[in-house]
């Protein structure tokens, strides 16, 4: 019996998977057609921790996260700890990591590029020994994201309007909270903020570049502080993100660090970790682990094709 080359963890409830109705047997067949022998875990009835343990004990050399950013992050933890490569089949809603890696976002294009994908070392962020690949946000955003998760998969206009109403109410009622921030050898200082984001590497600035990163291997975390954000501030900031000048906005303070510790009065904070809402125990200890994760991605010349094509189409 041929050895298994790839183990696939399929999250059938992720955004694009729900929308397209992709089935496990379809994914397996596409890998077989590409010349790979695979195993797949599509059993959503099992606790996710058990599914990760199955991936951990799999003999496959490559672990495939078939889902959104949260699925990729969870499987990346296993890949780092076991010294294996991670492949990302982007089936989520945002697919932020896939976009940063230059991965095709359609199944046909992804599988056509699969034989060309090569290993690439990227940084991972860590908060309290838990890996994140994109960003951790505390403040108002997790509450808004929690509402988004409740209506995921619903297409009714009423659900969308309910989400928008909830988001506007949250932004209009934001309260600041105190956080003690210690960065390296500096003395701790107290900040009163409405939201904090810690990103694995820095976000780019430019027209249409919203939460995108051209560098995933700079070896830094980017700390974004928002001390006060009214509804008007939020609308202005969103517009400046579209035109590519958001870092100059008065409501945002940006700092690049290698490690940072945050303390609050609360013992647990609700946070958004790579798109998934969860509770983290304080203090929050962040650090970057340079080049800790091996991912499979198109070589640079191939990775630039989707962006060039989008620019040609005026996207």
C-alpha atoms as a PDB file:
ATOM      1  CA  UNK A   1       0.000   0.000   0.000  1.00  0.00           C
ATOM      2  CA  UNK A   2       1.521   3.381  -0.991  1.00  0.00           C
ATOM      3  CA  UNK A   3       2.498   5.725   1.823  1.00  0.00           C
ATOM      4  CA  UNK A   4       0.297   8.715   2.588  1.00  0.00           C
ATOM      5  CA  UNK A   5       1.835  11.972   1.398  1.00  0.00           C
ATOM      6  CA  UNK A   6      -0.807  14.445   2.605  1.00  0.00           C
ATOM      7  CA  UNK A   7      -3.264  14.425   5.517  1.00  0.00           C
ATOM      8  CA  UNK A   8      -6.236  16.746   4.958  1.00  0.00           C
ATOM      9  CA  UNK A   9      -8.209  18.381   7.752  1.00  0.00           C
ATOM     10  CA  UNK A  10     -11.433  19.594   6.141  1.00  0.00           C
ATOM     11  CA  UNK A  11     -13.581  22.214   7.850  1.00  0.00           C
ATOM     12  CA  UNK A  12     -16.822  21.813   5.921  1.00  0.00           C
ATOM     13  CA  UNK A  13     -18.430  24.720   7.830  1.00  0.00           C
ATOM     14  CA  UNK A  14     -15.911  27.322   6.645  1.00  0.00           C
ATOM     15  CA  UNK A  15     -17.169  30.111   4.405  1.00  0.00           C
ATOM     16  CA  UNK A  16     -16.270  28.992   0.868  1.00  0.00           C
ATOM     17  CA  UNK A  17     -16.817  25.318   1.718  1.00  0.00           C
ATOM     18  CA  UNK A  18     -20.391  26.105   2.728  1.00  0.00           C
ATOM     19  CA  UNK A  19     -20.971  28.318  -0.293  1.00  0.00           C
ATOM     20  CA  UNK A  20     -19.635  25.871  -2.883  1.00  0.00           C
ATOM     21  CA  UNK A  21     -20.798  22.685  -1.186  1.00  0.00           C
ATOM     22  CA  UNK A  22     -17.450  21.003  -1.771  1.00  0.00           C
ATOM     23  CA  UNK A  23     -17.448  17.348  -0.706  1.00  0.00           C
ATOM     24  CA  UNK A  24     -14.611  15.320   0.862  1.00  0.00           C
ATOM     25  CA  UNK A  25     -14.567  12.816  -1.985  1.00  0.00           C
ATOM     26  CA  UNK A  26     -14.094  15.643  -4.488  1.00  0.00           C
ATOM     27  CA  UNK A  27     -11.020  16.896  -2.662  1.00  0.00           C
ATOM     28  CA  UNK A  28      -9.554  13.410  -2.316  1.00  0.00           C
ATOM     29  CA  UNK A  29     -10.056  12.736  -6.033  1.00  0.00           C
ATOM     30  CA  UNK A  30      -8.340  15.993  -6.978  1.00  0.00           C
ATOM     31  CA  UNK A  31      -5.290  15.002  -4.935  1.00  0.00           C
ATOM     32  CA  UNK A  32      -5.302  11.518  -6.465  1.00  0.00           C
ATOM     33  CA  UNK A  33      -5.523  13.022  -9.956  1.00  0.00           C
ATOM     34  CA  UNK A  34      -2.448  15.130  -9.065  1.00  0.00           C
ATOM     35  CA  UNK A  35      -0.511  11.994  -8.107  1.00  0.00           C
ATOM     36  CA  UNK A  36      -0.735  12.171  -4.313  1.00  0.00           C
ATOM     37  CA  UNK A  37      -1.919   9.520  -1.847  1.00  0.00           C
ATOM     38  CA  UNK A  38      -3.917  11.194   0.906  1.00  0.00           C
ATOM     39  CA  UNK A  39      -5.991  10.676   4.008  1.00  0.00           C
ATOM     40  CA  UNK A  40      -8.820  13.029   4.904  1.00  0.00           C
ATOM     41  CA  UNK A  41     -10.598  13.904   8.139  1.00  0.00           C
ATOM     42  CA  UNK A  42     -13.999  15.396   7.376  1.00  0.00           C
ATOM     43  CA  UNK A  43     -15.793  14.119  10.489  1.00  0.00           C
ATOM     44  CA  UNK A  44     -17.285  17.251  12.022  1.00  0.00           C
ATOM     45  CA  UNK A  45     -19.051  15.184  14.692  1.00  0.00           C
ATOM     46  CA  UNK A  46     -15.717  14.672  16.487  1.00  0.00           C
ATOM     47  CA  UNK A  47     -14.298  17.337  18.826  1.00  0.00           C
ATOM     48  CA  UNK A  48     -11.813  19.520  16.971  1.00  0.00           C
ATOM     49  CA  UNK A  49      -9.073  18.715  19.483  1.00  0.00           C
ATOM     50  CA  UNK A  50      -9.420  15.026  18.597  1.00  0.00           C
ATOM     51  CA  UNK A  51      -9.178  15.822  14.906  1.00  0.00           C
ATOM     52  CA  UNK A  52      -5.977  17.743  15.531  1.00  0.00           C
ATOM     53  CA  UNK A  53      -4.612  14.755  17.438  1.00  0.00           C
ATOM     54  CA  UNK A  54      -5.368  12.556  14.434  1.00  0.00           C
ATOM     55  CA  UNK A  55      -3.348  14.949  12.292  1.00  0.00           C
ATOM     56  CA  UNK A  56      -0.541  14.859  14.848  1.00  0.00           C
ATOM     57  CA  UNK A  57      -0.271  11.078  14.659  1.00  0.00           C
ATOM     58  CA  UNK A  58      -0.673  10.885  10.875  1.00  0.00           C
ATOM     59  CA  UNK A  59       2.395   9.571   8.991  1.00  0.00           C
ATOM     60  CA  UNK A  60       1.873  12.149   6.228  1.00  0.00           C
ATOM     61  CA  UNK A  61       4.739  14.528   5.476  1.00  0.00           C
ATOM     62  CA  UNK A  62       2.361  17.391   4.620  1.00  0.00           C
ATOM     63  CA  UNK A  63      -0.650  18.569   6.624  1.00  0.00           C
ATOM     64  CA  UNK A  64      -3.383  20.255   4.579  1.00  0.00           C
ATOM     65  CA  UNK A  65      -5.684  22.824   6.168  1.00  0.00           C
ATOM     66  CA  UNK A  66      -8.819  22.796   3.986  1.00  0.00           C
ATOM     67  CA  UNK A  67     -10.819  25.633   5.517  1.00  0.00           C
ATOM     68  CA  UNK A  68     -10.426  29.196   6.711  1.00  0.00           C
ATOM     69  CA  UNK A  69      -7.728  31.046   8.604  1.00  0.00           C
ATOM     70  CA  UNK A  70      -8.750  29.505  11.934  1.00  0.00           C
ATOM     71  CA  UNK A  71      -8.326  25.990  10.542  1.00  0.00           C
ATOM     72  CA  UNK A  72      -4.916  26.894   9.095  1.00  0.00           C
ATOM     73  CA  UNK A  73      -3.752  28.343  12.412  1.00  0.00           C
ATOM     74  CA  UNK A  74      -4.859  25.321  14.437  1.00  0.00           C
ATOM     75  CA  UNK A  75      -3.135  22.898  12.067  1.00  0.00           C
ATOM     76  CA  UNK A  76      -0.043  25.127  11.922  1.00  0.00           C
ATOM     77  CA  UNK A  77       0.416  24.532  15.649  1.00  0.00           C
ATOM     78  CA  UNK A  78       0.640  20.796  14.926  1.00  0.00           C
ATOM     79  CA  UNK A  79       2.928  21.355  11.928  1.00  0.00           C
ATOM     80  CA  UNK A  80       5.377  23.459  13.952  1.00  0.00           C
ATOM     81  CA  UNK A  81       5.433  21.038  16.872  1.00  0.00           C
ATOM     82  CA  UNK A  82       5.970  17.995  14.636  1.00  0.00           C
ATOM     83  CA  UNK A  83       8.340  19.598  12.118  1.00  0.00           C
ATOM     84  CA  UNK A  84       6.117  19.092   9.069  1.00  0.00           C
ATOM     85  CA  UNK A  85       5.019  21.304   6.198  1.00  0.00           C
ATOM     86  CA  UNK A  86       1.606  22.974   6.048  1.00  0.00           C
ATOM     87  CA  UNK A  87      -0.414  23.363   2.858  1.00  0.00           C
ATOM     88  CA  UNK A  88      -3.371  25.745   2.888  1.00  0.00           C
ATOM     89  CA  UNK A  89      -6.383  24.957   0.695  1.00  0.00           C
ATOM     90  CA  UNK A  90      -8.288  28.246   1.169  1.00  0.00           C
ATOM     91  CA  UNK A  91     -11.950  27.452   1.751  1.00  0.00           C
ATOM     92  CA  UNK A  92     -12.702  30.228   4.238  1.00  0.00           C
ATOM     93  CA  UNK A  93     -14.430  33.574   3.988  1.00  0.00           C
ATOM     94  CA  UNK A  94     -11.448  35.941   4.152  1.00  0.00           C
ATOM     95  CA  UNK A  95      -8.556  33.541   3.382  1.00  0.00           C
ATOM     96  CA  UNK A  96      -6.073  36.174   4.563  1.00  0.00           C
ATOM     97  CA  UNK A  97      -3.119  33.815   4.882  1.00  0.00           C
ATOM     98  CA  UNK A  98      -3.801  32.291   1.481  1.00  0.00           C
ATOM     99  CA  UNK A  99      -3.869  35.726  -0.113  1.00  0.00           C
ATOM    100  CA  UNK A 100      -0.614  36.736   1.591  1.00  0.00           C
ATOM    101  CA  UNK A 101       1.029  33.549   0.303  1.00  0.00           C
ATOM    102  CA  UNK A 102      -0.183  34.215  -3.239  1.00  0.00           C
ATOM    103  CA  UNK A 103      -2.326  31.073  -3.299  1.00  0.00           C
ATOM    104  CA  UNK A 104      -5.067  30.681  -5.916  1.00  0.00           C
ATOM    105  CA  UNK A 105      -8.484  30.915  -4.286  1.00  0.00           C
ATOM    106  CA  UNK A 106     -10.413  28.621  -6.638  1.00  0.00           C
ATOM    107  CA  UNK A 107     -10.152  24.836  -6.422  1.00  0.00           C
ATOM    108  CA  UNK A 108      -9.253  24.430 -10.084  1.00  0.00           C
ATOM    109  CA  UNK A 109      -6.465  27.013  -9.947  1.00  0.00           C
ATOM    110  CA  UNK A 110      -5.158  25.738  -6.609  1.00  0.00           C
ATOM    111  CA  UNK A 111      -4.801  22.171  -7.857  1.00  0.00           C
ATOM    112  CA  UNK A 112      -3.215  23.326 -11.102  1.00  0.00           C
ATOM    113  CA  UNK A 113      -0.548  25.110  -9.023  1.00  0.00           C
ATOM    114  CA  UNK A 114      -0.110  22.306  -6.476  1.00  0.00           C
ATOM    115  CA  UNK A 115       2.754  20.533  -8.324  1.00  0.00           C
ATOM    116  CA  UNK A 116       4.607  23.875  -8.532  1.00  0.00           C
ATOM    117  CA  UNK A 117       4.345  24.732  -4.838  1.00  0.00           C
ATOM    118  CA  UNK A 118       7.625  24.751  -2.930  1.00  0.00           C
ATOM    119  CA  UNK A 119       8.528  24.913   0.795  1.00  0.00           C
ATOM    120  CA  UNK A 120       8.792  28.398   2.277  1.00  0.00           C
ATOM    121  CA  UNK A 121       9.730  29.410   5.814  1.00  0.00           C
ATOM    122  CA  UNK A 122       7.535  32.015   7.495  1.00  0.00           C
ATOM    123  CA  UNK A 123       7.274  33.548  10.959  1.00  0.00           C
ATOM    124  CA  UNK A 124       4.593  32.675  13.468  1.00  0.00           C
ATOM    125  CA  UNK A 125       3.295  34.808  16.304  1.00  0.00           C
ATOM    126  CA  UNK A 126       2.730  33.317  19.715  1.00  0.00           C
ATOM    127  CA  UNK A 127       0.441  34.403  22.548  1.00  0.00           C
ATOM    128  CA  UNK A 128       0.693  32.435  25.785  1.00  0.00           C
ATOM    129  CA  UNK A 129       2.423  29.611  23.851  1.00  0.00           C
ATOM    130  CA  UNK A 130      -0.469  29.457  21.340  1.00  0.00           C
ATOM    131  CA  UNK A 131       0.436  30.102  17.699  1.00  0.00           C
ATOM    132  CA  UNK A 132      -1.233  32.692  15.495  1.00  0.00           C
ATOM    133  CA  UNK A 133      -0.427  33.363  11.868  1.00  0.00           C
ATOM    134  CA  UNK A 134      -2.205  36.643  11.194  1.00  0.00           C
ATOM    135  CA  UNK A 135      -3.331  38.717  14.173  1.00  0.00           C
ATOM    136  CA  UNK A 136      -4.817  38.796  17.659  1.00  0.00           C
ATOM    137  CA  UNK A 137      -7.355  41.538  18.422  1.00  0.00           C
ATOM    138  CA  UNK A 138      -8.821  42.549  21.779  1.00  0.00           C
ATOM    139  CA  UNK A 139     -11.436  45.231  22.309  1.00  0.00           C
ATOM    140  CA  UNK A 140     -14.617  45.748  20.283  1.00  0.00           C
ATOM    141  CA  UNK A 141     -13.776  43.645  17.244  1.00  0.00           C
ATOM    142  CA  UNK A 142     -14.191  40.210  18.916  1.00  0.00           C
ATOM    143  CA  UNK A 143     -17.751  41.068  19.899  1.00  0.00           C
ATOM    144  CA  UNK A 144     -18.585  42.063  16.342  1.00  0.00           C
ATOM    145  CA  UNK A 145     -16.888  38.920  15.039  1.00  0.00           C
ATOM    146  CA  UNK A 146     -18.917  36.755  17.433  1.00  0.00           C
ATOM    147  CA  UNK A 147     -22.097  38.116  15.881  1.00  0.00           C
ATOM    148  CA  UNK A 148     -20.703  37.400  12.420  1.00  0.00           C
ATOM    149  CA  UNK A 149     -20.143  33.763  13.397  1.00  0.00           C
ATOM    150  CA  UNK A 150     -23.753  33.434  14.538  1.00  0.00           C
ATOM    151  CA  UNK A 151     -25.093  34.361  11.081  1.00  0.00           C
ATOM    152  CA  UNK A 152     -22.427  32.567   9.015  1.00  0.00           C
ATOM    153  CA  UNK A 153     -24.093  30.606   6.251  1.00  0.00           C
ATOM    154  CA  UNK A 154     -27.319  32.633   6.422  1.00  0.00           C
ATOM    155  CA  UNK A 155     -28.215  34.510   3.256  1.00  0.00           C
ATOM    156  CA  UNK A 156     -31.401  36.249   4.405  1.00  0.00           C
ATOM    157  CA  UNK A 157     -31.386  40.040   4.191  1.00  0.00           C
ATOM    158  CA  UNK A 158     -32.645  40.212   7.760  1.00  0.00           C
ATOM    159  CA  UNK A 159     -29.539  38.429   9.081  1.00  0.00           C
ATOM    160  CA  UNK A 160     -27.233  40.831   7.242  1.00  0.00           C
ATOM    161  CA  UNK A 161     -29.118  43.880   8.492  1.00  0.00           C
ATOM    162  CA  UNK A 162     -29.039  42.496  12.039  1.00  0.00           C
ATOM    163  CA  UNK A 163     -25.265  42.116  11.815  1.00  0.00           C
ATOM    164  CA  UNK A 164     -24.772  45.666  10.491  1.00  0.00           C
ATOM    165  CA  UNK A 165     -27.034  47.061  13.209  1.00  0.00           C
ATOM    166  CA  UNK A 166     -25.066  45.163  15.855  1.00  0.00           C
ATOM    167  CA  UNK A 167     -21.733  46.418  14.495  1.00  0.00           C
ATOM    168  CA  UNK A 168     -22.894  50.049  14.469  1.00  0.00           C
ATOM    169  CA  UNK A 169     -24.220  49.770  18.034  1.00  0.00           C
ATOM    170  CA  UNK A 170     -20.916  48.285  19.207  1.00  0.00           C
ATOM    171  CA  UNK A 171     -18.896  51.054  17.581  1.00  0.00           C
ATOM    172  CA  UNK A 172     -21.133  53.769  19.019  1.00  0.00           C
ATOM    173  CA  UNK A 173     -20.847  52.363  22.567  1.00  0.00           C
ATOM    174  CA  UNK A 174     -17.152  51.567  22.717  1.00  0.00           C
ATOM    175  CA  UNK A 175     -15.566  51.891  26.142  1.00  0.00           C
ATOM    176  CA  UNK A 176     -11.889  52.236  26.798  1.00  0.00           C
ATOM    177  CA  UNK A 177     -10.063  49.798  29.040  1.00  0.00           C
ATOM    178  CA  UNK A 178      -6.729  50.066  30.830  1.00  0.00           C
ATOM    179  CA  UNK A 179      -3.864  47.820  29.798  1.00  0.00           C
ATOM    180  CA  UNK A 180      -0.307  47.703  31.081  1.00  0.00           C
ATOM    181  CA  UNK A 181       2.132  47.187  28.214  1.00  0.00           C
ATOM    182  CA  UNK A 182       5.698  46.027  28.675  1.00  0.00           C
ATOM    183  CA  UNK A 183       7.894  45.953  25.585  1.00  0.00           C
ATOM    184  CA  UNK A 184      11.268  44.304  26.037  1.00  0.00           C
ATOM    185  CA  UNK A 185      13.495  46.190  28.456  1.00  0.00           C
ATOM    186  CA  UNK A 186      11.247  49.244  28.655  1.00  0.00           C
ATOM    187  CA  UNK A 187       9.408  50.144  31.846  1.00  0.00           C
ATOM    188  CA  UNK A 188       5.740  49.099  31.737  1.00  0.00           C
ATOM    189  CA  UNK A 189       3.316  51.863  30.828  1.00  0.00           C
ATOM    190  CA  UNK A 190      -0.453  52.125  31.152  1.00  0.00           C
ATOM    191  CA  UNK A 191      -2.600  52.803  28.097  1.00  0.00           C
ATOM    192  CA  UNK A 192      -6.328  53.421  27.928  1.00  0.00           C
ATOM    193  CA  UNK A 193      -7.515  51.968  24.645  1.00  0.00           C
ATOM    194  CA  UNK A 194     -10.607  50.794  22.828  1.00  0.00           C
ATOM    195  CA  UNK A 195      -8.865  48.168  20.738  1.00  0.00           C
ATOM    196  CA  UNK A 196      -5.433  46.536  20.369  1.00  0.00           C
ATOM    197  CA  UNK A 197      -4.205  44.347  17.528  1.00  0.00           C
ATOM    198  CA  UNK A 198      -0.965  42.386  17.469  1.00  0.00           C
ATOM    199  CA  UNK A 199      -0.041  41.248  13.957  1.00  0.00           C
ATOM    200  CA  UNK A 200       2.481  38.674  12.819  1.00  0.00           C
ATOM    201  CA  UNK A 201       4.616  40.997  10.628  1.00  0.00           C
ATOM    202  CA  UNK A 202       3.484  44.400   9.421  1.00  0.00           C
ATOM    203  CA  UNK A 203       0.499  45.260   7.269  1.00  0.00           C
ATOM    204  CA  UNK A 204       1.153  46.913   3.922  1.00  0.00           C
ATOM    205  CA  UNK A 205      -0.148  50.305   2.936  1.00  0.00           C
ATOM    206  CA  UNK A 206      -1.446  51.101  -0.522  1.00  0.00           C
ATOM    207  CA  UNK A 207      -4.663  51.379  -2.530  1.00  0.00           C
ATOM    208  CA  UNK A 208      -6.848  48.342  -1.908  1.00  0.00           C
ATOM    209  CA  UNK A 209      -4.329  46.684   0.423  1.00  0.00           C
ATOM    210  CA  UNK A 210      -6.512  45.910   3.430  1.00  0.00           C
ATOM    211  CA  UNK A 211      -4.940  43.634   6.070  1.00  0.00           C
ATOM    212  CA  UNK A 212      -2.425  42.289   3.537  1.00  0.00           C
ATOM    213  CA  UNK A 213       1.255  41.537   4.118  1.00  0.00           C
ATOM    214  CA  UNK A 214       4.011  41.288   1.531  1.00  0.00           C
ATOM    215  CA  UNK A 215       6.502  40.090   4.169  1.00  0.00           C
ATOM    216  CA  UNK A 216       5.866  37.039   6.333  1.00  0.00           C
ATOM    217  CA  UNK A 217       9.491  36.603   7.385  1.00  0.00           C
ATOM    218  CA  UNK A 218      10.609  39.972   8.798  1.00  0.00           C
ATOM    219  CA  UNK A 219      10.840  38.584  12.338  1.00  0.00           C
ATOM    220  CA  UNK A 220       8.666  41.235  13.998  1.00  0.00           C
ATOM    221  CA  UNK A 221       5.249  41.745  15.521  1.00  0.00           C
ATOM    222  CA  UNK A 222       3.298  44.907  14.783  1.00  0.00           C
ATOM    223  CA  UNK A 223       1.380  46.480  17.654  1.00  0.00           C
ATOM    224  CA  UNK A 224      -1.628  48.628  16.675  1.00  0.00           C
ATOM    225  CA  UNK A 225      -3.267  50.752  19.380  1.00  0.00           C
ATOM    226  CA  UNK A 226      -6.588  52.562  18.977  1.00  0.00           C
ATOM    227  CA  UNK A 227      -7.264  54.818  21.959  1.00  0.00           C
ATOM    228  CA  UNK A 228     -10.537  56.295  20.774  1.00  0.00           C
ATOM    229  CA  UNK A 229     -12.749  55.272  17.865  1.00  0.00           C
ATOM    230  CA  UNK A 230     -16.094  56.940  17.258  1.00  0.00           C
ATOM    231  CA  UNK A 231     -18.422  55.845  14.492  1.00  0.00           C
ATOM    232  CA  UNK A 232     -17.141  58.739  12.387  1.00  0.00           C
ATOM    233  CA  UNK A 233     -13.540  57.720  13.103  1.00  0.00           C
ATOM    234  CA  UNK A 234     -14.330  54.165  12.020  1.00  0.00           C
ATOM    235  CA  UNK A 235     -15.846  55.318   8.737  1.00  0.00           C
ATOM    236  CA  UNK A 236     -12.900  57.623   8.032  1.00  0.00           C
ATOM    237  CA  UNK A 237     -10.404  54.884   8.891  1.00  0.00           C
ATOM    238  CA  UNK A 238     -12.191  52.433   6.584  1.00  0.00           C
ATOM    239  CA  UNK A 239     -11.969  54.952   3.740  1.00  0.00           C
ATOM    240  CA  UNK A 240      -8.272  55.554   4.390  1.00  0.00           C
ATOM    241  CA  UNK A 241      -7.691  51.804   4.300  1.00  0.00           C
ATOM    242  CA  UNK A 242      -9.196  51.713   0.825  1.00  0.00           C
ATOM    243  CA  UNK A 243      -6.936  54.502  -0.450  1.00  0.00           C
ATOM    244  CA  UNK A 244      -3.873  53.214   1.416  1.00  0.00           C
ATOM    245  CA  UNK A 245      -3.116  55.975   3.950  1.00  0.00           C
ATOM    246  CA  UNK A 246      -4.568  54.497   7.162  1.00  0.00           C
ATOM    247  CA  UNK A 247      -1.320  54.328   9.167  1.00  0.00           C
ATOM    248  CA  UNK A 248      -1.165  58.133   9.166  1.00  0.00           C
ATOM    249  CA  UNK A 249      -4.586  58.445  10.780  1.00  0.00           C
ATOM    250  CA  UNK A 250      -4.575  60.059  14.235  1.00  0.00           C
ATOM    251  CA  UNK A 251      -6.561  57.235  15.844  1.00  0.00           C
ATOM    252  CA  UNK A 252      -3.909  54.573  15.092  1.00  0.00           C
ATOM    253  CA  UNK A 253      -0.536  54.150  16.765  1.00  0.00           C
ATOM    254  CA  UNK A 254       1.845  51.561  15.276  1.00  0.00           C
ATOM    255  CA  UNK A 255       4.936  49.996  16.841  1.00  0.00           C
ATOM    256  CA  UNK A 256       7.124  47.074  15.702  1.00  0.00           C
ATOM    257  CA  UNK A 257       8.310  44.765  18.484  1.00  0.00           C
ATOM    258  CA  UNK A 258       9.801  41.304  18.974  1.00  0.00           C
ATOM    259  CA  UNK A 259       7.907  40.592  22.192  1.00  0.00           C
ATOM    260  CA  UNK A 260       5.330  42.330  24.372  1.00  0.00           C
ATOM    261  CA  UNK A 261       3.421  41.572  27.582  1.00  0.00           C
ATOM    262  CA  UNK A 262      -0.055  42.964  28.314  1.00  0.00           C
ATOM    263  CA  UNK A 263      -1.794  42.968  31.690  1.00  0.00           C
ATOM    264  CA  UNK A 264      -5.356  44.001  32.510  1.00  0.00           C
ATOM    265  CA  UNK A 265      -7.616  43.785  35.536  1.00  0.00           C
ATOM    266  CA  UNK A 266      -9.614  41.020  33.878  1.00  0.00           C
ATOM    267  CA  UNK A 267      -8.330  37.507  34.314  1.00  0.00           C
ATOM    268  CA  UNK A 268      -9.735  36.500  30.924  1.00  0.00           C
ATOM    269  CA  UNK A 269     -10.169  38.562  27.782  1.00  0.00           C
ATOM    270  CA  UNK A 270     -12.296  37.831  24.765  1.00  0.00           C
ATOM    271  CA  UNK A 271     -10.041  37.985  21.721  1.00  0.00           C
ATOM    272  CA  UNK A 272     -10.175  37.295  18.011  1.00  0.00           C
ATOM    273  CA  UNK A 273      -7.313  34.990  17.031  1.00  0.00           C
ATOM    274  CA  UNK A 274      -6.968  34.644  13.263  1.00  0.00           C
ATOM    275  CA  UNK A 275     -10.699  35.099  12.798  1.00  0.00           C
ATOM    276  CA  UNK A 276     -11.826  32.851  15.648  1.00  0.00           C
ATOM    277  CA  UNK A 277     -13.285  34.284  18.869  1.00  0.00           C
ATOM    278  CA  UNK A 278     -12.012  32.790  22.125  1.00  0.00           C
ATOM    279  CA  UNK A 279     -10.996  33.702  25.672  1.00  0.00           C
ATOM    280  CA  UNK A 280      -7.338  34.219  26.613  1.00  0.00           C
ATOM    281  CA  UNK A 281      -5.950  34.225  30.154  1.00  0.00           C
ATOM    282  CA  UNK A 282      -4.021  37.310  31.216  1.00  0.00           C
ATOM    283  CA  UNK A 283      -1.291  38.384  31.217  1.00  0.00           C
ATOM    284  CA  UNK A 284      -0.972  38.056  27.447  1.00  0.00           C
ATOM    285  CA  UNK A 285       2.612  37.213  26.516  1.00  0.00           C
ATOM    286  CA  UNK A 286       3.345  37.778  22.840  1.00  0.00           C
ATOM    287  CA  UNK A 287       6.464  36.874  20.921  1.00  0.00           C
ATOM    288  CA  UNK A 288       7.507  36.194  17.341  1.00  0.00           C
ATOM    289  CA  UNK A 289       9.099  32.911  16.298  1.00  0.00           C
ATOM    290  CA  UNK A 290      11.072  33.692  13.143  1.00  0.00           C
ATOM    291  CA  UNK A 291      10.857  31.176  10.275  1.00  0.00           C
ATOM    292  CA  UNK A 292       9.240  28.568  12.548  1.00  0.00           C
ATOM    293  CA  UNK A 293       6.681  27.270  10.038  1.00  0.00           C
ATOM    294  CA  UNK A 294       7.211  25.609   6.674  1.00  0.00           C
ATOM    295  CA  UNK A 295       4.391  26.280   4.222  1.00  0.00           C
ATOM    296  CA  UNK A 296       3.867  25.163   0.647  1.00  0.00           C
ATOM    297  CA  UNK A 297       3.290  28.080  -1.702  1.00  0.00           C
ATOM    298  CA  UNK A 298       3.810  29.003  -5.358  1.00  0.00           C
ATOM    299  CA  UNK A 299       7.270  30.364  -6.169  1.00  0.00           C
ATOM    300  CA  UNK A 300       7.382  34.187  -6.366  1.00  0.00           C
ATOM    301  CA  UNK A 301       6.898  34.413 -10.130  1.00  0.00           C
ATOM    302  CA  UNK A 302       3.722  32.317  -9.922  1.00  0.00           C
ATOM    303  CA  UNK A 303       2.492  34.015  -6.737  1.00  0.00           C
ATOM    304  CA  UNK A 304       2.552  37.412  -8.449  1.00  0.00           C
ATOM    305  CA  UNK A 305       0.267  36.339 -11.292  1.00  0.00           C
ATOM    306  CA  UNK A 306      -3.101  36.759  -9.446  1.00  0.00           C
ATOM    307  CA  UNK A 307      -2.142  40.241  -8.222  1.00  0.00           C
ATOM    308  CA  UNK A 308      -0.984  41.320 -11.677  1.00  0.00           C
ATOM    309  CA  UNK A 309      -4.141  39.973 -13.253  1.00  0.00           C
ATOM    310  CA  UNK A 310      -6.299  41.786 -10.711  1.00  0.00           C
ATOM    311  CA  UNK A 311      -4.458  45.041 -11.404  1.00  0.00           C
ATOM    312  CA  UNK A 312      -4.974  44.579 -15.148  1.00  0.00           C
ATOM    313  CA  UNK A 313      -8.698  44.126 -14.577  1.00  0.00           C
ATOM    314  CA  UNK A 314      -8.854  47.203 -12.368  1.00  0.00           C
ATOM    315  CA  UNK A 315      -9.767  45.186  -9.231  1.00  0.00           C
END
